[in-house]
Amino acid sequence: MKVKMLVSITGTINGKDWPATGGVIDLTADVAADLISNRYAEPIVDTPPRETAAADPVTETAVAPTGKARRKPAGG
């Protein structure tokens, strides 16, 4: 489980230094749960990237105006 560190922890985990505040680390669920419950870290929620449609000027065009008659000016 990936977590974002909210505090700095001295020492190592799995032979590597803990990441600095704001750093992200992938931990086992139990270790991550302990850090989160102690407010040392917050979970990182992986969200799939949003798909954006490319603008296609050929298929995305404005609706053609309708042929409505204009009003005649009053008094003239």
PDB file of N, CA and C in Angstrom:
ATOM      1  N   MET A   1       0.846  -1.167   0.000  1.00  0.00           N
ATOM      2  CA  MET A   1       0.000   0.000   0.000  1.00  0.00           C
ATOM      3  C   MET A   1       0.895   1.235   0.000  1.00  0.00           C
ATOM      4  N   LYS A   2       0.599   2.164  -0.896  1.00  0.00           N
ATOM      5  CA  LYS A   2       1.391   3.386  -0.969  1.00  0.00           C
ATOM      6  C   LYS A   2       0.851   4.414   0.020  1.00  0.00           C
ATOM      7  N   VAL A   3       1.794   5.056   0.713  1.00  0.00           N
ATOM      8  CA  VAL A   3       1.440   6.113   1.648  1.00  0.00           C
ATOM      9  C   VAL A   3       2.337   7.327   1.425  1.00  0.00           C
ATOM     10  N   LYS A   4       1.809   8.476   1.785  1.00  0.00           N
ATOM     11  CA  LYS A   4       2.573   9.723   1.730  1.00  0.00           C
ATOM     12  C   LYS A   4       2.939  10.086   3.155  1.00  0.00           C
ATOM     13  N   MET A   5       4.198  10.305   3.396  1.00  0.00           N
ATOM     14  CA  MET A   5       4.688  10.586   4.736  1.00  0.00           C
ATOM     15  C   MET A   5       4.293  12.000   5.168  1.00  0.00           C
ATOM     16  N   LEU A   6       3.748  12.094   6.388  1.00  0.00           N
ATOM     17  CA  LEU A   6       3.378  13.385   6.953  1.00  0.00           C
ATOM     18  C   LEU A   6       4.416  13.886   7.957  1.00  0.00           C
ATOM     19  N   VAL A   7       5.311  12.994   8.376  1.00  0.00           N
ATOM     20  CA  VAL A   7       6.393  13.341   9.310  1.00  0.00           C
ATOM     21  C   VAL A   7       7.670  12.657   8.841  1.00  0.00           C
ATOM     22  N   SER A   8       8.781  13.099   9.394  1.00  0.00           N
ATOM     23  CA  SER A   8      10.059  12.438   9.111  1.00  0.00           C
ATOM     24  C   SER A   8      10.306  11.372  10.167  1.00  0.00           C
ATOM     25  N   ILE A   9      10.752  10.206   9.735  1.00  0.00           N
ATOM     26  CA  ILE A   9      11.096   9.117  10.641  1.00  0.00           C
ATOM     27  C   ILE A   9      12.572   8.812  10.430  1.00  0.00           C
ATOM     28  N   THR A  10      13.308   8.732  11.536  1.00  0.00           N
ATOM     29  CA  THR A  10      14.729   8.398  11.425  1.00  0.00           C
ATOM     30  C   THR A  10      14.879   6.887  11.364  1.00  0.00           C
ATOM     31  N   GLY A  11      15.967   6.454  10.791  1.00  0.00           N
ATOM     32  CA  GLY A  11      16.224   5.027  10.690  1.00  0.00           C
ATOM     33  C   GLY A  11      15.911   4.505   9.308  1.00  0.00           C
ATOM     34  N   THR A  12      15.770   3.187   9.234  1.00  0.00           N
ATOM     35  CA  THR A  12      15.554   2.554   7.943  1.00  0.00           C
ATOM     36  C   THR A  12      14.370   1.595   8.011  1.00  0.00           C
ATOM     37  N   ILE A  13      13.883   1.251   6.840  1.00  0.00           N
ATOM     38  CA  ILE A  13      12.870   0.208   6.697  1.00  0.00           C
ATOM     39  C   ILE A  13      13.279  -0.627   5.495  1.00  0.00           C
ATOM     40  N   ASN A  14      13.351  -1.923   5.697  1.00  0.00           N
ATOM     41  CA  ASN A  14      13.790  -2.846   4.645  1.00  0.00           C
ATOM     42  C   ASN A  14      15.146  -2.448   4.075  1.00  0.00           C
ATOM     43  N   GLY A  15      16.035  -1.937   4.939  1.00  0.00           N
ATOM     44  CA  GLY A  15      17.389  -1.587   4.520  1.00  0.00           C
ATOM     45  C   GLY A  15      17.520  -0.250   3.820  1.00  0.00           C
ATOM     46  N   LYS A  16      16.435   0.517   3.737  1.00  0.00           N
ATOM     47  CA  LYS A  16      16.472   1.828   3.076  1.00  0.00           C
ATOM     48  C   LYS A  16      16.000   2.886   4.058  1.00  0.00           C
ATOM     49  N   ASP A  17      16.498   4.123   3.875  1.00  0.00           N
ATOM     50  CA  ASP A  17      16.044   5.227   4.717  1.00  0.00           C
ATOM     51  C   ASP A  17      14.564   5.508   4.463  1.00  0.00           C
ATOM     52  N   TRP A  18      13.882   5.959   5.520  1.00  0.00           N
ATOM     53  CA  TRP A  18      12.495   6.386   5.361  1.00  0.00           C
ATOM     54  C   TRP A  18      12.470   7.618   4.459  1.00  0.00           C
ATOM     55  N   PRO A  19      11.426   7.795   3.654  1.00  0.00           N
ATOM     56  CA  PRO A  19      11.353   8.998   2.824  1.00  0.00           C
ATOM     57  C   PRO A  19      11.117  10.237   3.698  1.00  0.00           C
ATOM     58  N   ALA A  20      11.511  11.378   3.198  1.00  0.00           N
ATOM     59  CA  ALA A  20      11.302  12.637   3.913  1.00  0.00           C
ATOM     60  C   ALA A  20       9.804  12.969   3.951  1.00  0.00           C
ATOM     61  N   THR A  21       9.457  13.973   4.728  1.00  0.00           N
ATOM     62  CA  THR A  21       8.072  14.433   4.779  1.00  0.00           C
ATOM     63  C   THR A  21       7.600  14.767   3.365  1.00  0.00           C
ATOM     64  N   GLY A  22       6.437  14.232   2.984  1.00  0.00           N
ATOM     65  CA  GLY A  22       5.903  14.435   1.638  1.00  0.00           C
ATOM     66  C   GLY A  22       6.299  13.342   0.670  1.00  0.00           C
ATOM     67  N   GLY A  23       7.252  12.505   1.059  1.00  0.00           N
ATOM     68  CA  GLY A  23       7.692  11.411   0.197  1.00  0.00           C
ATOM     69  C   GLY A  23       6.687  10.269   0.204  1.00  0.00           C
ATOM     70  N   VAL A  24       6.752   9.441  -0.816  1.00  0.00           N
ATOM     71  CA  VAL A  24       5.833   8.315  -0.969  1.00  0.00           C
ATOM     72  C   VAL A  24       6.620   7.020  -0.848  1.00  0.00           C
ATOM     73  N   ILE A  25       6.019   6.042  -0.154  1.00  0.00           N
ATOM     74  CA  ILE A  25       6.651   4.741   0.013  1.00  0.00           C
ATOM     75  C   ILE A  25       5.582   3.664  -0.077  1.00  0.00           C
ATOM     76  N   ASP A  26       5.956   2.522  -0.632  1.00  0.00           N
ATOM     77  CA  ASP A  26       5.055   1.378  -0.748  1.00  0.00           C
ATOM     78  C   ASP A  26       5.359   0.414   0.388  1.00  0.00           C
ATOM     79  N   LEU A  27       4.363   0.182   1.242  1.00  0.00           N
ATOM     80  CA  LEU A  27       4.559  -0.644   2.438  1.00  0.00           C
ATOM     81  C   LEU A  27       3.548  -1.777   2.471  1.00  0.00           C
ATOM     82  N   THR A  28       3.799  -2.736   3.372  1.00  0.00           N
ATOM     83  CA  THR A  28       2.802  -3.775   3.585  1.00  0.00           C
ATOM     84  C   THR A  28       1.586  -3.145   4.259  1.00  0.00           C
ATOM     85  N   ALA A  29       0.444  -3.795   4.137  1.00  0.00           N
ATOM     86  CA  ALA A  29      -0.811  -3.234   4.637  1.00  0.00           C
ATOM     87  C   ALA A  29      -0.770  -2.971   6.141  1.00  0.00           C
ATOM     88  N   ASP A  30      -0.147  -3.881   6.908  1.00  0.00           N
ATOM     89  CA  ASP A  30      -0.126  -3.705   8.365  1.00  0.00           C
ATOM     90  C   ASP A  30       0.757  -2.538   8.795  1.00  0.00           C
ATOM     91  N   VAL A  31       1.919  -2.378   8.150  1.00  0.00           N
ATOM     92  CA  VAL A  31       2.813  -1.264   8.485  1.00  0.00           C
ATOM     93  C   VAL A  31       2.157   0.051   8.067  1.00  0.00           C
ATOM     94  N   ALA A  32       1.554   0.064   6.879  1.00  0.00           N
ATOM     95  CA  ALA A  32       0.877   1.272   6.403  1.00  0.00           C
ATOM     96  C   ALA A  32      -0.265   1.651   7.345  1.00  0.00           C
ATOM     97  N   ALA A  33      -1.034   0.669   7.800  1.00  0.00           N
ATOM     98  CA  ALA A  33      -2.151   0.927   8.704  1.00  0.00           C
ATOM     99  C   ALA A  33      -1.664   1.542  10.012  1.00  0.00           C
ATOM    100  N   ASP A  34      -0.539   1.044  10.543  1.00  0.00           N
ATOM    101  CA  ASP A  34       0.024   1.603  11.775  1.00  0.00           C
ATOM    102  C   ASP A  34       0.427   3.068  11.578  1.00  0.00           C
ATOM    103  N   LEU A  35       1.091   3.360  10.476  1.00  0.00           N
ATOM    104  CA  LEU A  35       1.520   4.739  10.224  1.00  0.00           C
ATOM    105  C   LEU A  35       0.320   5.665  10.057  1.00  0.00           C
ATOM    106  N   ILE A  36      -0.689   5.191   9.352  1.00  0.00           N
ATOM    107  CA  ILE A  36      -1.882   6.007   9.122  1.00  0.00           C
ATOM    108  C   ILE A  36      -2.628   6.247  10.434  1.00  0.00           C
ATOM    109  N   SER A  37      -2.770   5.212  11.251  1.00  0.00           N
ATOM    110  CA  SER A  37      -3.498   5.366  12.513  1.00  0.00           C
ATOM    111  C   SER A  37      -2.776   6.296  13.479  1.00  0.00           C
ATOM    112  N   ASN A  38      -1.448   6.369  13.379  1.00  0.00           N
ATOM    113  CA  ASN A  38      -0.661   7.278  14.222  1.00  0.00           C
ATOM    114  C   ASN A  38      -0.478   8.656  13.582  1.00  0.00           C
ATOM    115  N   ARG A  39      -1.079   8.851  12.430  1.00  0.00           N
ATOM    116  CA  ARG A  39      -1.007  10.116  11.679  1.00  0.00           C
ATOM    117  C   ARG A  39       0.420  10.467  11.264  1.00  0.00           C
ATOM    118  N   TYR A  40       1.197   9.433  10.989  1.00  0.00           N
ATOM    119  CA  TYR A  40       2.532   9.630  10.443  1.00  0.00           C
ATOM    120  C   TYR A  40       2.495   9.647   8.915  1.00  0.00           C
ATOM    121  N   ALA A  41       1.405   9.117   8.338  1.00  0.00           N
ATOM    122  CA  ALA A  41       1.282   9.017   6.886  1.00  0.00           C
ATOM    123  C   ALA A  41      -0.188   9.043   6.511  1.00  0.00           C
ATOM    124  N   GLU A  42      -0.432   9.269   5.234  1.00  0.00           N
ATOM    125  CA  GLU A  42      -1.799   9.201   4.709  1.00  0.00           C
ATOM    126  C   GLU A  42      -1.792   8.297   3.482  1.00  0.00           C
ATOM    127  N   PRO A  43      -2.900   7.600   3.252  1.00  0.00           N
ATOM    128  CA  PRO A  43      -2.923   6.673   2.118  1.00  0.00           C
ATOM    129  C   PRO A  43      -2.915   7.415   0.787  1.00  0.00           C
ATOM    130  N   ILE A  44      -2.300   6.789  -0.190  1.00  0.00           N
ATOM    131  CA  ILE A  44      -2.319   7.294  -1.563  1.00  0.00           C
ATOM    132  C   ILE A  44      -3.337   6.453  -2.311  1.00  0.00           C
ATOM    133  N   VAL A  45      -4.336   7.113  -2.865  1.00  0.00           N
ATOM    134  CA  VAL A  45      -5.372   6.409  -3.614  1.00  0.00           C
ATOM    135  C   VAL A  45      -5.000   6.488  -5.085  1.00  0.00           C
ATOM    136  N   ASP A  46      -4.751   5.332  -5.672  1.00  0.00           N
ATOM    137  CA  ASP A  46      -4.425   5.289  -7.101  1.00  0.00           C
ATOM    138  C   ASP A  46      -5.713   5.422  -7.899  1.00  0.00           C
ATOM    139  N   THR A  47      -5.791   6.479  -8.684  1.00  0.00           N
ATOM    140  CA  THR A  47      -6.940   6.664  -9.558  1.00  0.00           C
ATOM    141  C   THR A  47      -6.464   6.559 -10.990  1.00  0.00           C
ATOM    142  N   PRO A  48      -7.238   5.892 -11.812  1.00  0.00           N
ATOM    143  CA  PRO A  48      -6.811   5.788 -13.210  1.00  0.00           C
ATOM    144  C   PRO A  48      -6.838   7.159 -13.866  1.00  0.00           C
ATOM    145  N   PRO A  49      -5.920   7.409 -14.785  1.00  0.00           N
ATOM    146  CA  PRO A  49      -5.905   8.711 -15.453  1.00  0.00           C
ATOM    147  C   PRO A  49      -7.184   8.916 -16.252  1.00  0.00           C
ATOM    148  N   ARG A  50      -7.671  10.151 -16.223  1.00  0.00           N
ATOM    149  CA  ARG A  50      -8.890  10.463 -16.964  1.00  0.00           C
ATOM    150  C   ARG A  50      -8.565  10.562 -18.451  1.00  0.00           C
ATOM    151  N   GLU A  51      -9.455  10.029 -19.242  1.00  0.00           N
ATOM    152  CA  GLU A  51      -9.276  10.117 -20.688  1.00  0.00           C
ATOM    153  C   GLU A  51      -9.880  11.426 -21.172  1.00  0.00           C
ATOM    154  N   THR A  52      -9.138  12.102 -22.009  1.00  0.00           N
ATOM    155  CA  THR A  52      -9.652  13.337 -22.584  1.00  0.00           C
ATOM    156  C   THR A  52      -9.739  13.157 -24.085  1.00  0.00           C
ATOM    157  N   ALA A  53     -10.844  13.577 -24.625  1.00  0.00           N
ATOM    158  CA  ALA A  53     -11.046  13.468 -26.065  1.00  0.00           C
ATOM    159  C   ALA A  53     -10.357  14.639 -26.758  1.00  0.00           C
ATOM    160  N   ALA A  54      -9.679  14.338 -27.821  1.00  0.00           N
ATOM    161  CA  ALA A  54      -9.044  15.386 -28.598  1.00  0.00           C
ATOM    162  C   ALA A  54     -10.113  16.106 -29.412  1.00  0.00           C
ATOM    163  N   ALA A  55      -9.976  17.404 -29.494  1.00  0.00           N
ATOM    164  CA  ALA A  55     -10.941  18.186 -30.264  1.00  0.00           C
ATOM    165  C   ALA A  55     -10.758  17.883 -31.738  1.00  0.00           C
ATOM    166  N   ASP A  56     -11.809  17.456 -32.366  1.00  0.00           N
ATOM    167  CA  ASP A  56     -11.780  17.152 -33.795  1.00  0.00           C
ATOM    168  C   ASP A  56     -12.662  18.173 -34.498  1.00  0.00           C
ATOM    169  N   PRO A  57     -12.072  19.157 -35.162  1.00  0.00           N
ATOM    170  CA  PRO A  57     -12.883  20.217 -35.770  1.00  0.00           C
ATOM    171  C   PRO A  57     -13.832  19.710 -36.847  1.00  0.00           C
ATOM    172  N   VAL A  58     -13.586  18.526 -37.374  1.00  0.00           N
ATOM    173  CA  VAL A  58     -14.465  18.005 -38.418  1.00  0.00           C
ATOM    174  C   VAL A  58     -15.760  17.480 -37.811  1.00  0.00           C
ATOM    175  N   THR A  59     -15.670  16.770 -36.698  1.00  0.00           N
ATOM    176  CA  THR A  59     -16.869  16.186 -36.110  1.00  0.00           C
ATOM    177  C   THR A  59     -17.468  17.037 -35.007  1.00  0.00           C
ATOM    178  N   GLU A  60     -16.708  17.947 -34.417  1.00  0.00           N
ATOM    179  CA  GLU A  60     -17.225  18.786 -33.356  1.00  0.00           C
ATOM    180  C   GLU A  60     -17.391  20.210 -33.869  1.00  0.00           C
ATOM    181  N   THR A  61     -18.494  20.443 -34.543  1.00  0.00           N
ATOM    182  CA  THR A  61     -18.758  21.769 -35.075  1.00  0.00           C
ATOM    183  C   THR A  61     -20.014  22.337 -34.453  1.00  0.00           C
ATOM    184  N   ALA A  62     -20.180  23.617 -34.583  1.00  0.00           N
ATOM    185  CA  ALA A  62     -21.360  24.290 -34.038  1.00  0.00           C
ATOM    186  C   ALA A  62     -22.580  23.933 -34.882  1.00  0.00           C
ATOM    187  N   VAL A  63     -23.731  23.987 -34.251  1.00  0.00           N
ATOM    188  CA  VAL A  63     -24.984  23.715 -34.946  1.00  0.00           C
ATOM    189  C   VAL A  63     -25.284  24.886 -35.867  1.00  0.00           C
ATOM    190  N   ALA A  64     -25.699  24.584 -37.075  1.00  0.00           N
ATOM    191  CA  ALA A  64     -26.025  25.629 -38.042  1.00  0.00           C
ATOM    192  C   ALA A  64     -27.244  26.408 -37.560  1.00  0.00           C
ATOM    193  N   PRO A  65     -27.220  27.746 -37.704  1.00  0.00           N
ATOM    194  CA  PRO A  65     -28.368  28.538 -37.259  1.00  0.00           C
ATOM    195  C   PRO A  65     -29.605  28.223 -38.090  1.00  0.00           C
ATOM    196  N   THR A  66     -30.753  28.341 -37.441  1.00  0.00           N
ATOM    197  CA  THR A  66     -32.010  28.104 -38.158  1.00  0.00           C
ATOM    198  C   THR A  66     -32.384  29.353 -38.928  1.00  0.00           C
ATOM    199  N   GLY A  67     -33.189  29.210 -39.932  1.00  0.00           N
ATOM    200  CA  GLY A  67     -33.571  30.329 -40.797  1.00  0.00           C
ATOM    201  C   GLY A  67     -34.780  31.096 -40.293  1.00  0.00           C
ATOM    202  N   LYS A  68     -34.722  31.635 -39.096  1.00  0.00           N
ATOM    203  CA  LYS A  68     -35.840  32.412 -38.555  1.00  0.00           C
ATOM    204  C   LYS A  68     -35.843  33.803 -39.174  1.00  0.00           C
ATOM    205  N   ALA A  69     -37.029  34.307 -39.398  1.00  0.00           N
ATOM    206  CA  ALA A  69     -37.171  35.644 -39.970  1.00  0.00           C
ATOM    207  C   ALA A  69     -36.902  36.674 -38.890  1.00  0.00           C
ATOM    208  N   ARG A  70     -36.331  37.797 -39.292  1.00  0.00           N
ATOM    209  CA  ARG A  70     -36.070  38.887 -38.368  1.00  0.00           C
ATOM    210  C   ARG A  70     -37.338  39.719 -38.159  1.00  0.00           C
ATOM    211  N   ARG A  71     -37.407  40.310 -37.012  1.00  0.00           N
ATOM    212  CA  ARG A  71     -38.515  41.220 -36.738  1.00  0.00           C
ATOM    213  C   ARG A  71     -38.293  42.527 -37.479  1.00  0.00           C
ATOM    214  N   LYS A  72     -39.391  43.099 -37.880  1.00  0.00           N
ATOM    215  CA  LYS A  72     -39.282  44.423 -38.504  1.00  0.00           C
ATOM    216  C   LYS A  72     -39.227  45.451 -37.402  1.00  0.00           C
ATOM    217  N   PRO A  73     -38.373  46.474 -37.558  1.00  0.00           N
ATOM    218  CA  PRO A  73     -38.285  47.507 -36.534  1.00  0.00           C
ATOM    219  C   PRO A  73     -39.635  48.206 -36.380  1.00  0.00           C
ATOM    220  N   ALA A  74     -39.964  48.555 -35.149  1.00  0.00           N
ATOM    221  CA  ALA A  74     -41.211  49.251 -34.881  1.00  0.00           C
ATOM    222  C   ALA A  74     -41.169  50.665 -35.442  1.00  0.00           C
ATOM    223  N   GLY A  75     -42.270  51.090 -36.038  1.00  0.00           N
ATOM    224  CA  GLY A  75     -42.384  52.463 -36.553  1.00  0.00           C
ATOM    225  C   GLY A  75     -41.628  52.691 -37.844  1.00  0.00           C
ATOM    226  N   GLY A  76     -41.385  51.708 -38.586  1.00  0.00           N
ATOM    227  CA  GLY A  76     -40.613  52.048 -39.751  1.00  0.00           C
ATOM    228  C   GLY A  76     -40.726  51.170 -40.834  1.00  0.00           C
TER     229      GLY A  76
END
